[in-house]
Amino acid sequence: MSAIPLTGDRLRSELGSARRAATSDGDWESFEARVEAEFPRLQRLFHTLYGPGADDELLQVVLDTAASWQDRAADLKNLDTVRVMAPDWFQSNRMLGGVCYVDLYAGDLAGLRERIPYFRELGLTYLHLMPLFRAPEENSDGGYAVSSYRAVDPRLGTMDDLADVARELRANGIALVVDFVFNHTSNEHEWARRALAKDPEYADFYWIYPDRSMPDAFERTVREIFPDDHPGSFVPLEDGRWVWATFHSFQWDLDYRNPRVFRAMAGELLFLANLGVEVAHGRRRLHLEAARHRL
């Protein structure tokens, strides 16, 4: 399959078909300018990961972005313009951040919102919220076992509450940062449930093997992280298959060899961006929940 050239008919045509009737000329021209500026780098990086043969999936990522842009609130688009003018804004020596667990600091998102005047008094320019998405009630791993990136832990509030917090923080010059766990999901996530059911669209979202052959080969060199939870790095499924679960038996590792996993996770990021999240903080897991339990 040939690569998609930025100025080629295919990309132009596909993008044109993604434009909605209600989208103004100026708004669409702004999006097209962003594509022109960023697509070459995105394509180069995507090819590094997946090769030119994955350009169909890359095109879908761009089309998802087009849909997300047209759903984006006007004030967030205005902020985008400001950020483009200063792309290193987050590296400024004027940035001052705070980090907290919502429940431990403020009880819930409503309580956090009440503390925004205090954050402003402190001079914060960004607020980093530790994991707050829906997770299994009994096996949350401190919020790192995400069951949905589109739902807040109900004990903290709702996604509307999170959007309200983001909006008010933004009005006070404070960017919202959230911890974004991208290397695994909980076994309760929709993707995991569908993979377990052998849905062909999700069967290869995780590292799932039909027997112990490959797990045994991996475990000759892969160290155990939580041997008390499950010895090794793989857990059995009810149908006899085995899934890679590096940290806990209820946290299944996503298989990013599949470009559709990249696209799916990019979609979750776009959703959060349109909610008002300015930075999704992703990293290899540190055991911050240990510190949480000491508080």
C-alpha atoms as a PDB file:
ATOM      1  CA  MET A   1       0.000   0.000   0.000  1.00  0.00           C
ATOM      2  CA  SER A   2       1.408   3.383  -0.941  1.00  0.00           C
ATOM      3  CA  ALA A   3       1.993   6.100   1.617  1.00  0.00           C
ATOM      4  CA  ILE A   4      -0.446   8.988   1.829  1.00  0.00           C
ATOM      5  CA  PRO A   5       1.271  12.157   0.577  1.00  0.00           C
ATOM      6  CA  LEU A   6       0.183  15.301   2.348  1.00  0.00           C
ATOM      7  CA  THR A   7      -0.694  17.029  -0.896  1.00  0.00           C
ATOM      8  CA  GLY A   8      -2.054  13.884  -2.561  1.00  0.00           C
ATOM      9  CA  ASP A   9      -5.588  13.493  -3.829  1.00  0.00           C
ATOM     10  CA  ARG A  10      -6.387  10.796  -1.307  1.00  0.00           C
ATOM     11  CA  LEU A  11      -5.742  12.859   1.814  1.00  0.00           C
ATOM     12  CA  ARG A  12      -7.395  15.952   0.328  1.00  0.00           C
ATOM     13  CA  SER A  13     -10.460  13.975  -0.698  1.00  0.00           C
ATOM     14  CA  GLU A  14     -10.817  12.141   2.606  1.00  0.00           C
ATOM     15  CA  LEU A  15     -10.425  15.317   4.620  1.00  0.00           C
ATOM     16  CA  GLY A  16     -12.921  17.108   2.405  1.00  0.00           C
ATOM     17  CA  SER A  17     -15.497  14.398   2.999  1.00  0.00           C
ATOM     18  CA  ALA A  18     -14.975  14.741   6.766  1.00  0.00           C
ATOM     19  CA  ARG A  19     -15.994  18.393   6.753  1.00  0.00           C
ATOM     20  CA  ARG A  20     -19.473  19.024   8.130  1.00  0.00           C
ATOM     21  CA  ALA A  21     -21.920  21.427   6.560  1.00  0.00           C
ATOM     22  CA  ALA A  22     -22.022  23.567   9.697  1.00  0.00           C
ATOM     23  CA  THR A  23     -18.229  24.051   9.777  1.00  0.00           C
ATOM     24  CA  SER A  24     -17.284  27.528   8.590  1.00  0.00           C
ATOM     25  CA  ASP A  25     -14.661  28.161   5.923  1.00  0.00           C
ATOM     26  CA  GLY A  26     -12.390  29.902   8.406  1.00  0.00           C
ATOM     27  CA  ASP A  27     -12.657  27.142  10.967  1.00  0.00           C
ATOM     28  CA  TRP A  28     -11.908  24.444   8.416  1.00  0.00           C
ATOM     29  CA  GLU A  29      -9.003  26.394   6.926  1.00  0.00           C
ATOM     30  CA  SER A  30      -7.551  26.617  10.427  1.00  0.00           C
ATOM     31  CA  PHE A  31      -7.752  22.851  10.804  1.00  0.00           C
ATOM     32  CA  GLU A  32      -6.252  22.234   7.372  1.00  0.00           C
ATOM     33  CA  ALA A  33      -3.348  24.516   8.269  1.00  0.00           C
ATOM     34  CA  ARG A  34      -2.714  22.446  11.397  1.00  0.00           C
ATOM     35  CA  VAL A  35      -2.767  19.252   9.337  1.00  0.00           C
ATOM     36  CA  GLU A  36      -0.319  20.720   6.844  1.00  0.00           C
ATOM     37  CA  ALA A  37       2.023  21.731   9.649  1.00  0.00           C
ATOM     38  CA  GLU A  38       1.860  18.546  11.725  1.00  0.00           C
ATOM     39  CA  PHE A  39       1.060  15.672   9.373  1.00  0.00           C
ATOM     40  CA  PRO A  40       4.569  15.117   7.941  1.00  0.00           C
ATOM     41  CA  ARG A  41       6.014  14.602  11.428  1.00  0.00           C
ATOM     42  CA  LEU A  42       3.074  12.441  12.475  1.00  0.00           C
ATOM     43  CA  GLN A  43       3.419  10.288   9.364  1.00  0.00           C
ATOM     44  CA  ARG A  44       7.166   9.920   9.850  1.00  0.00           C
ATOM     45  CA  LEU A  45       6.713   8.785  13.448  1.00  0.00           C
ATOM     46  CA  PHE A  46       3.827   6.489  12.531  1.00  0.00           C
ATOM     47  CA  HIS A  47       5.939   4.879   9.812  1.00  0.00           C
ATOM     48  CA  THR A  48       8.719   4.346  12.348  1.00  0.00           C
ATOM     49  CA  LEU A  49       6.312   2.336  14.477  1.00  0.00           C
ATOM     50  CA  TYR A  50       4.184   0.564  11.893  1.00  0.00           C
ATOM     51  CA  GLY A  51       5.680   1.046   8.437  1.00  0.00           C
ATOM     52  CA  PRO A  52       4.042   2.631   5.353  1.00  0.00           C
ATOM     53  CA  GLY A  53       1.600  -0.271   5.129  1.00  0.00           C
ATOM     54  CA  ALA A  54      -0.317   1.172   8.098  1.00  0.00           C
ATOM     55  CA  ASP A  55      -1.217   4.415   6.318  1.00  0.00           C
ATOM     56  CA  ASP A  56      -4.895   3.451   6.193  1.00  0.00           C
ATOM     57  CA  GLU A  57      -4.944   3.434   9.995  1.00  0.00           C
ATOM     58  CA  LEU A  58      -3.009   6.709  10.089  1.00  0.00           C
ATOM     59  CA  LEU A  59      -5.613   8.241   7.807  1.00  0.00           C
ATOM     60  CA  GLN A  60      -8.312   7.155  10.252  1.00  0.00           C
ATOM     61  CA  VAL A  61      -6.414   8.883  13.071  1.00  0.00           C
ATOM     62  CA  VAL A  62      -6.413  12.095  11.020  1.00  0.00           C
ATOM     63  CA  LEU A  63     -10.143  11.731  10.275  1.00  0.00           C
ATOM     64  CA  ASP A  64     -10.838  11.133  13.973  1.00  0.00           C
ATOM     65  CA  THR A  65      -8.931  14.337  14.671  1.00  0.00           C
ATOM     66  CA  ALA A  66     -11.037  16.179  12.086  1.00  0.00           C
ATOM     67  CA  ALA A  67     -14.226  15.039  13.804  1.00  0.00           C
ATOM     68  CA  SER A  68     -12.824  15.998  17.197  1.00  0.00           C
ATOM     69  CA  TRP A  69     -11.804  19.444  15.923  1.00  0.00           C
ATOM     70  CA  GLN A  70     -15.316  20.134  14.681  1.00  0.00           C
ATOM     71  CA  ASP A  71     -16.711  19.138  18.091  1.00  0.00           C
ATOM     72  CA  ARG A  72     -14.218  21.336  19.940  1.00  0.00           C
ATOM     73  CA  ALA A  73     -15.526  24.331  21.864  1.00  0.00           C
ATOM     74  CA  ALA A  74     -14.652  27.785  20.556  1.00  0.00           C
ATOM     75  CA  ASP A  75     -12.777  28.834  23.693  1.00  0.00           C
ATOM     76  CA  LEU A  76     -10.582  25.735  23.446  1.00  0.00           C
ATOM     77  CA  LYS A  77      -9.842  26.505  19.797  1.00  0.00           C
ATOM     78  CA  ASN A  78      -8.823  30.007  20.851  1.00  0.00           C
ATOM     79  CA  LEU A  79      -6.519  28.486  23.437  1.00  0.00           C
ATOM     80  CA  ASP A  80      -5.052  26.248  20.725  1.00  0.00           C
ATOM     81  CA  THR A  81      -4.123  29.360  18.768  1.00  0.00           C
ATOM     82  CA  VAL A  82      -2.359  30.798  21.806  1.00  0.00           C
ATOM     83  CA  ARG A  83      -0.487  27.539  22.383  1.00  0.00           C
ATOM     84  CA  VAL A  84       0.641  27.339  18.749  1.00  0.00           C
ATOM     85  CA  MET A  85       2.230  30.767  19.119  1.00  0.00           C
ATOM     86  CA  ALA A  86       4.233  29.495  22.122  1.00  0.00           C
ATOM     87  CA  PRO A  87       4.674  25.733  21.619  1.00  0.00           C
ATOM     88  CA  ASP A  88       7.107  25.483  24.529  1.00  0.00           C
ATOM     89  CA  TRP A  89       4.624  27.045  26.970  1.00  0.00           C
ATOM     90  CA  PHE A  90       4.788  24.048  29.305  1.00  0.00           C
ATOM     91  CA  GLN A  91       8.591  24.415  29.592  1.00  0.00           C
ATOM     92  CA  SER A  92       8.483  28.005  30.752  1.00  0.00           C
ATOM     93  CA  ASN A  93      10.222  28.898  34.005  1.00  0.00           C
ATOM     94  CA  ARG A  94       6.997  30.661  34.910  1.00  0.00           C
ATOM     95  CA  MET A  95       5.144  27.359  35.146  1.00  0.00           C
ATOM     96  CA  LEU A  96       4.302  26.320  38.699  1.00  0.00           C
ATOM     97  CA  GLY A  97       2.378  23.144  39.307  1.00  0.00           C
ATOM     98  CA  GLY A  98       0.552  21.281  42.009  1.00  0.00           C
ATOM     99  CA  VAL A  99      -0.390  17.609  42.152  1.00  0.00           C
ATOM    100  CA  CYS A 100      -3.020  15.829  44.218  1.00  0.00           C
ATOM    101  CA  TYR A 101      -5.432  12.960  44.515  1.00  0.00           C
ATOM    102  CA  VAL A 102      -8.905  14.462  44.302  1.00  0.00           C
ATOM    103  CA  ASP A 103     -10.380  12.364  47.095  1.00  0.00           C
ATOM    104  CA  LEU A 104      -7.508  12.820  49.535  1.00  0.00           C
ATOM    105  CA  TYR A 105      -7.254  16.561  49.012  1.00  0.00           C
ATOM    106  CA  ALA A 106     -10.796  17.713  48.395  1.00  0.00           C
ATOM    107  CA  GLY A 107     -13.168  14.758  48.734  1.00  0.00           C
ATOM    108  CA  ASP A 108     -14.552  15.051  45.226  1.00  0.00           C
ATOM    109  CA  LEU A 109     -14.464  17.252  42.144  1.00  0.00           C
ATOM    110  CA  ALA A 110     -16.989  19.692  43.607  1.00  0.00           C
ATOM    111  CA  GLY A 111     -14.696  20.163  46.607  1.00  0.00           C
ATOM    112  CA  LEU A 112     -11.709  20.594  44.305  1.00  0.00           C
ATOM    113  CA  ARG A 113     -13.527  23.281  42.374  1.00  0.00           C
ATOM    114  CA  GLU A 114     -14.112  25.213  45.605  1.00  0.00           C
ATOM    115  CA  ARG A 115     -10.352  25.310  46.160  1.00  0.00           C
ATOM    116  CA  ILE A 116      -9.494  26.960  42.841  1.00  0.00           C
ATOM    117  CA  PRO A 117      -9.200  30.433  44.421  1.00  0.00           C
ATOM    118  CA  TYR A 118      -6.555  28.959  46.734  1.00  0.00           C
ATOM    119  CA  PHE A 119      -4.678  27.463  43.774  1.00  0.00           C
ATOM    120  CA  ARG A 120      -4.686  30.876  42.162  1.00  0.00           C
ATOM    121  CA  GLU A 121      -3.451  32.464  45.396  1.00  0.00           C
ATOM    122  CA  LEU A 122      -0.551  29.980  45.369  1.00  0.00           C
ATOM    123  CA  GLY A 123       0.294  31.086  41.831  1.00  0.00           C
ATOM    124  CA  LEU A 124      -0.280  27.694  40.216  1.00  0.00           C
ATOM    125  CA  THR A 125      -0.275  27.589  36.430  1.00  0.00           C
ATOM    126  CA  TYR A 126      -1.138  23.900  36.175  1.00  0.00           C
ATOM    127  CA  LEU A 127      -2.864  21.335  38.373  1.00  0.00           C
ATOM    128  CA  HIS A 128      -2.030  17.649  37.978  1.00  0.00           C
ATOM    129  CA  LEU A 129      -4.750  15.260  39.118  1.00  0.00           C
ATOM    130  CA  MET A 130      -3.663  11.726  39.921  1.00  0.00           C
ATOM    131  CA  PRO A 131      -5.728   8.811  38.465  1.00  0.00           C
ATOM    132  CA  LEU A 132      -9.420   9.616  38.722  1.00  0.00           C
ATOM    133  CA  PHE A 133     -11.114   7.516  36.039  1.00  0.00           C
ATOM    134  CA  ARG A 134     -13.500   4.656  36.653  1.00  0.00           C
ATOM    135  CA  ALA A 135     -11.744   1.539  37.913  1.00  0.00           C
ATOM    136  CA  PRO A 136     -12.805  -1.805  39.435  1.00  0.00           C
ATOM    137  CA  GLU A 137     -14.137  -1.142  42.907  1.00  0.00           C
ATOM    138  CA  GLU A 138     -12.193  -3.974  44.539  1.00  0.00           C
ATOM    139  CA  ASN A 139      -9.105  -3.883  42.307  1.00  0.00           C
ATOM    140  CA  SER A 140      -8.406  -0.288  41.339  1.00  0.00           C
ATOM    141  CA  ASP A 141      -4.631  -0.302  41.977  1.00  0.00           C
ATOM    142  CA  GLY A 142      -4.927   3.271  43.174  1.00  0.00           C
ATOM    143  CA  GLY A 143      -6.828   4.224  40.018  1.00  0.00           C
ATOM    144  CA  TYR A 144      -4.248   2.763  37.621  1.00  0.00           C
ATOM    145  CA  ALA A 145      -6.562  -0.071  36.529  1.00  0.00           C
ATOM    146  CA  VAL A 146      -8.700   2.046  34.190  1.00  0.00           C
ATOM    147  CA  SER A 147     -12.103   0.661  33.210  1.00  0.00           C
ATOM    148  CA  SER A 148     -13.070   3.723  31.174  1.00  0.00           C
ATOM    149  CA  TYR A 149     -11.228   6.849  30.101  1.00  0.00           C
ATOM    150  CA  ARG A 150     -14.606   8.476  29.542  1.00  0.00           C
ATOM    151  CA  ALA A 151     -16.028   8.122  33.033  1.00  0.00           C
ATOM    152  CA  VAL A 152     -14.816   9.508  36.343  1.00  0.00           C
ATOM    153  CA  ASP A 153     -14.800   7.374  39.483  1.00  0.00           C
ATOM    154  CA  PRO A 154     -18.416   7.947  40.606  1.00  0.00           C
ATOM    155  CA  ARG A 155     -17.237   8.683  44.138  1.00  0.00           C
ATOM    156  CA  LEU A 156     -15.488  11.768  42.741  1.00  0.00           C
ATOM    157  CA  GLY A 157     -18.262  13.025  40.475  1.00  0.00           C
ATOM    158  CA  THR A 158     -18.967  12.953  36.761  1.00  0.00           C
ATOM    159  CA  MET A 159     -17.265  13.904  33.530  1.00  0.00           C
ATOM    160  CA  ASP A 160     -19.422  17.040  33.511  1.00  0.00           C
ATOM    161  CA  ASP A 161     -17.918  17.894  36.902  1.00  0.00           C
ATOM    162  CA  LEU A 162     -14.436  17.376  35.472  1.00  0.00           C
ATOM    163  CA  ALA A 163     -15.283  19.625  32.520  1.00  0.00           C
ATOM    164  CA  ASP A 164     -16.507  22.285  34.956  1.00  0.00           C
ATOM    165  CA  VAL A 165     -13.249  22.049  36.916  1.00  0.00           C
ATOM    166  CA  ALA A 166     -11.239  22.337  33.697  1.00  0.00           C
ATOM    167  CA  ARG A 167     -13.251  25.345  32.559  1.00  0.00           C
ATOM    168  CA  GLU A 168     -12.876  27.201  35.854  1.00  0.00           C
ATOM    169  CA  LEU A 169      -9.181  26.380  36.127  1.00  0.00           C
ATOM    170  CA  ARG A 170      -8.682  27.706  32.605  1.00  0.00           C
ATOM    171  CA  ALA A 171     -10.511  30.917  33.496  1.00  0.00           C
ATOM    172  CA  ASN A 172      -8.019  31.341  36.322  1.00  0.00           C
ATOM    173  CA  GLY A 173      -4.977  30.732  34.147  1.00  0.00           C
ATOM    174  CA  ILE A 174      -4.422  27.166  35.350  1.00  0.00           C
ATOM    175  CA  ALA A 175      -3.995  24.261  32.924  1.00  0.00           C
ATOM    176  CA  LEU A 176      -5.531  20.905  33.838  1.00  0.00           C
ATOM    177  CA  VAL A 177      -3.225  17.877  33.759  1.00  0.00           C
ATOM    178  CA  VAL A 178      -4.493  14.337  34.327  1.00  0.00           C
ATOM    179  CA  ASP A 179      -2.647  11.081  34.824  1.00  0.00           C
ATOM    180  CA  PHE A 180      -3.270   9.002  31.711  1.00  0.00           C
ATOM    181  CA  VAL A 181      -2.567   5.279  31.987  1.00  0.00           C
ATOM    182  CA  PHE A 182      -1.943   4.084  28.458  1.00  0.00           C
ATOM    183  CA  ASN A 183       0.051   0.866  28.750  1.00  0.00           C
ATOM    184  CA  HIS A 184      -2.746  -1.285  30.160  1.00  0.00           C
ATOM    185  CA  THR A 185      -6.452  -1.270  31.065  1.00  0.00           C
ATOM    186  CA  SER A 186      -8.432  -3.101  33.691  1.00  0.00           C
ATOM    187  CA  ASN A 187     -10.051  -6.377  32.697  1.00  0.00           C
ATOM    188  CA  GLU A 188     -13.390  -4.588  33.053  1.00  0.00           C
ATOM    189  CA  HIS A 189     -12.691  -2.165  30.215  1.00  0.00           C
ATOM    190  CA  GLU A 190     -14.935  -2.591  27.174  1.00  0.00           C
ATOM    191  CA  TRP A 191     -11.921  -3.413  25.009  1.00  0.00           C
ATOM    192  CA  ALA A 192     -10.917  -6.210  27.388  1.00  0.00           C
ATOM    193  CA  ARG A 193     -14.438  -7.596  27.602  1.00  0.00           C
ATOM    194  CA  ARG A 194     -14.682  -7.720  23.829  1.00  0.00           C
ATOM    195  CA  ALA A 195     -11.244  -9.271  23.486  1.00  0.00           C
ATOM    196  CA  LEU A 196     -12.273 -11.937  25.996  1.00  0.00           C
ATOM    197  CA  ALA A 197     -15.377 -12.595  23.887  1.00  0.00           C
ATOM    198  CA  LYS A 198     -13.110 -13.030  20.813  1.00  0.00           C
ATOM    199  CA  ASP A 199     -14.620 -10.050  19.039  1.00  0.00           C
ATOM    200  CA  PRO A 200     -12.481  -9.843  15.867  1.00  0.00           C
ATOM    201  CA  GLU A 201     -12.199  -6.059  16.202  1.00  0.00           C
ATOM    202  CA  TYR A 202     -10.588  -6.393  19.638  1.00  0.00           C
ATOM    203  CA  ALA A 203      -9.053  -9.866  19.670  1.00  0.00           C
ATOM    204  CA  ASP A 204      -5.556  -8.432  19.142  1.00  0.00           C
ATOM    205  CA  PHE A 205      -5.831  -5.381  21.410  1.00  0.00           C
ATOM    206  CA  TYR A 206      -4.006  -7.290  24.146  1.00  0.00           C
ATOM    207  CA  TRP A 207      -1.157  -9.802  24.338  1.00  0.00           C
ATOM    208  CA  ILE A 208      -3.293 -12.944  24.401  1.00  0.00           C
ATOM    209  CA  TYR A 209      -1.904 -16.398  23.634  1.00  0.00           C
ATOM    210  CA  PRO A 210      -3.702 -19.719  23.011  1.00  0.00           C
ATOM    211  CA  ASP A 211      -1.453 -21.711  25.346  1.00  0.00           C
ATOM    212  CA  ARG A 212       1.609 -21.417  27.565  1.00  0.00           C
ATOM    213  CA  SER A 213       4.237 -21.711  24.789  1.00  0.00           C
ATOM    214  CA  MET A 214       4.944 -18.003  24.309  1.00  0.00           C
ATOM    215  CA  PRO A 215       4.316 -17.014  27.954  1.00  0.00           C
ATOM    216  CA  ASP A 216       6.830 -19.634  29.051  1.00  0.00           C
ATOM    217  CA  ALA A 217       9.364 -18.283  26.559  1.00  0.00           C
ATOM    218  CA  PHE A 218       8.868 -14.708  27.762  1.00  0.00           C
ATOM    219  CA  GLU A 219       9.047 -15.648  31.428  1.00  0.00           C
ATOM    220  CA  ARG A 220      12.548 -17.036  31.057  1.00  0.00           C
ATOM    221  CA  THR A 221      13.718 -13.395  31.144  1.00  0.00           C
ATOM    222  CA  VAL A 222      10.742 -11.251  32.268  1.00  0.00           C
ATOM    223  CA  ARG A 223      10.823 -10.457  35.975  1.00  0.00           C
ATOM    224  CA  GLU A 224       7.811 -10.690  38.251  1.00  0.00           C
ATOM    225  CA  ILE A 225       6.422  -7.369  39.465  1.00  0.00           C
ATOM    226  CA  PHE A 226       3.802  -8.491  41.983  1.00  0.00           C
ATOM    227  CA  PRO A 227       4.344 -12.214  42.592  1.00  0.00           C
ATOM    228  CA  ASP A 228       1.882 -12.180  45.497  1.00  0.00           C
ATOM    229  CA  ASP A 229      -0.892 -11.175  43.083  1.00  0.00           C
ATOM    230  CA  HIS A 230       0.046 -13.612  40.335  1.00  0.00           C
ATOM    231  CA  PRO A 231       3.292 -15.512  39.807  1.00  0.00           C
ATOM    232  CA  GLY A 232       4.876 -14.587  36.508  1.00  0.00           C
ATOM    233  CA  SER A 233       3.512 -12.014  34.090  1.00  0.00           C
ATOM    234  CA  PHE A 234       0.593 -13.926  32.548  1.00  0.00           C
ATOM    235  CA  VAL A 235      -2.806 -14.924  33.882  1.00  0.00           C
ATOM    236  CA  PRO A 236      -5.144 -17.637  32.600  1.00  0.00           C
ATOM    237  CA  LEU A 237      -8.465 -16.850  30.997  1.00  0.00           C
ATOM    238  CA  GLU A 238     -11.535 -19.012  31.472  1.00  0.00           C
ATOM    239  CA  ASP A 239     -11.296 -20.384  27.924  1.00  0.00           C
ATOM    240  CA  GLY A 240      -7.730 -21.640  28.373  1.00  0.00           C
ATOM    241  CA  ARG A 241      -5.924 -18.692  26.799  1.00  0.00           C
ATOM    242  CA  TRP A 242      -3.324 -16.569  28.613  1.00  0.00           C
ATOM    243  CA  VAL A 243      -3.084 -12.771  28.743  1.00  0.00           C
ATOM    244  CA  TRP A 244      -0.037 -10.672  29.581  1.00  0.00           C
ATOM    245  CA  ALA A 245      -0.639  -8.750  32.813  1.00  0.00           C
ATOM    246  CA  THR A 246       2.638  -7.195  33.937  1.00  0.00           C
ATOM    247  CA  PHE A 247       1.464  -5.532  37.141  1.00  0.00           C
ATOM    248  CA  HIS A 248      -1.706  -7.178  38.419  1.00  0.00           C
ATOM    249  CA  SER A 249      -3.934  -9.990  37.214  1.00  0.00           C
ATOM    250  CA  PHE A 250      -6.717  -7.468  36.580  1.00  0.00           C
ATOM    251  CA  GLN A 251      -4.520  -5.125  34.475  1.00  0.00           C
ATOM    252  CA  TRP A 252      -4.114  -6.392  30.923  1.00  0.00           C
ATOM    253  CA  ASP A 253      -1.247  -5.077  28.800  1.00  0.00           C
ATOM    254  CA  LEU A 254      -2.260  -3.403  25.535  1.00  0.00           C
ATOM    255  CA  ASP A 255      -0.528  -4.592  22.380  1.00  0.00           C
ATOM    256  CA  TYR A 256       0.714  -1.493  20.567  1.00  0.00           C
ATOM    257  CA  ARG A 257       2.033  -3.605  17.732  1.00  0.00           C
ATOM    258  CA  ASN A 258      -1.549  -3.212  16.519  1.00  0.00           C
ATOM    259  CA  PRO A 259      -2.006   0.291  15.025  1.00  0.00           C
ATOM    260  CA  ARG A 260      -5.701   0.119  15.890  1.00  0.00           C
ATOM    261  CA  VAL A 261      -4.703   0.245  19.553  1.00  0.00           C
ATOM    262  CA  PHE A 262      -2.822   3.471  18.820  1.00  0.00           C
ATOM    263  CA  ARG A 263      -5.887   4.869  17.076  1.00  0.00           C
ATOM    264  CA  ALA A 264      -8.223   3.837  19.896  1.00  0.00           C
ATOM    265  CA  MET A 265      -6.030   5.426  22.555  1.00  0.00           C
ATOM    266  CA  ALA A 266      -5.627   8.577  20.456  1.00  0.00           C
ATOM    267  CA  GLY A 267      -9.429   8.752  20.381  1.00  0.00           C
ATOM    268  CA  GLU A 268      -9.542   8.703  24.178  1.00  0.00           C
ATOM    269  CA  LEU A 269      -6.986  11.517  24.287  1.00  0.00           C
ATOM    270  CA  LEU A 270      -9.017  13.582  21.825  1.00  0.00           C
ATOM    271  CA  PHE A 271     -12.107  13.089  23.977  1.00  0.00           C
ATOM    272  CA  LEU A 272     -10.287  14.332  27.071  1.00  0.00           C
ATOM    273  CA  ALA A 273      -8.784  17.264  25.162  1.00  0.00           C
ATOM    274  CA  ASN A 274     -12.265  18.398  24.167  1.00  0.00           C
ATOM    275  CA  LEU A 275     -13.282  18.127  27.808  1.00  0.00           C
ATOM    276  CA  GLY A 276     -10.642  20.730  28.635  1.00  0.00           C
ATOM    277  CA  VAL A 277      -7.709  18.566  29.664  1.00  0.00           C
ATOM    278  CA  GLU A 278      -4.562  20.304  28.411  1.00  0.00           C
ATOM    279  CA  VAL A 279      -1.946  17.693  29.286  1.00  0.00           C
ATOM    280  CA  ALA A 280      -2.332  13.916  29.624  1.00  0.00           C
ATOM    281  CA  HIS A 281       0.564  12.789  31.758  1.00  0.00           C
ATOM    282  CA  GLY A 282       1.639   9.323  30.660  1.00  0.00           C
ATOM    283  CA  ARG A 283       4.620   7.373  31.922  1.00  0.00           C
ATOM    284  CA  ARG A 284       5.815   3.963  32.870  1.00  0.00           C
ATOM    285  CA  ARG A 285       4.161   3.099  36.152  1.00  0.00           C
ATOM    286  CA  LEU A 286       5.693   4.254  39.390  1.00  0.00           C
ATOM    287  CA  HIS A 287       4.234   2.980  42.598  1.00  0.00           C
ATOM    288  CA  LEU A 288       2.792   6.290  43.690  1.00  0.00           C
ATOM    289  CA  GLU A 289      -0.125   4.422  45.235  1.00  0.00           C
ATOM    290  CA  ALA A 290       2.324   3.319  47.949  1.00  0.00           C
ATOM    291  CA  ALA A 291       2.805   6.963  48.885  1.00  0.00           C
ATOM    292  CA  ARG A 292      -0.962   7.426  48.656  1.00  0.00           C
ATOM    293  CA  HIS A 293      -1.561   4.739  51.266  1.00  0.00           C
ATOM    294  CA  ARG A 294       0.969   6.305  53.620  1.00  0.00           C
ATOM    295  CA  LEU A 295      -0.961   9.593  53.702  1.00  0.00           C
END
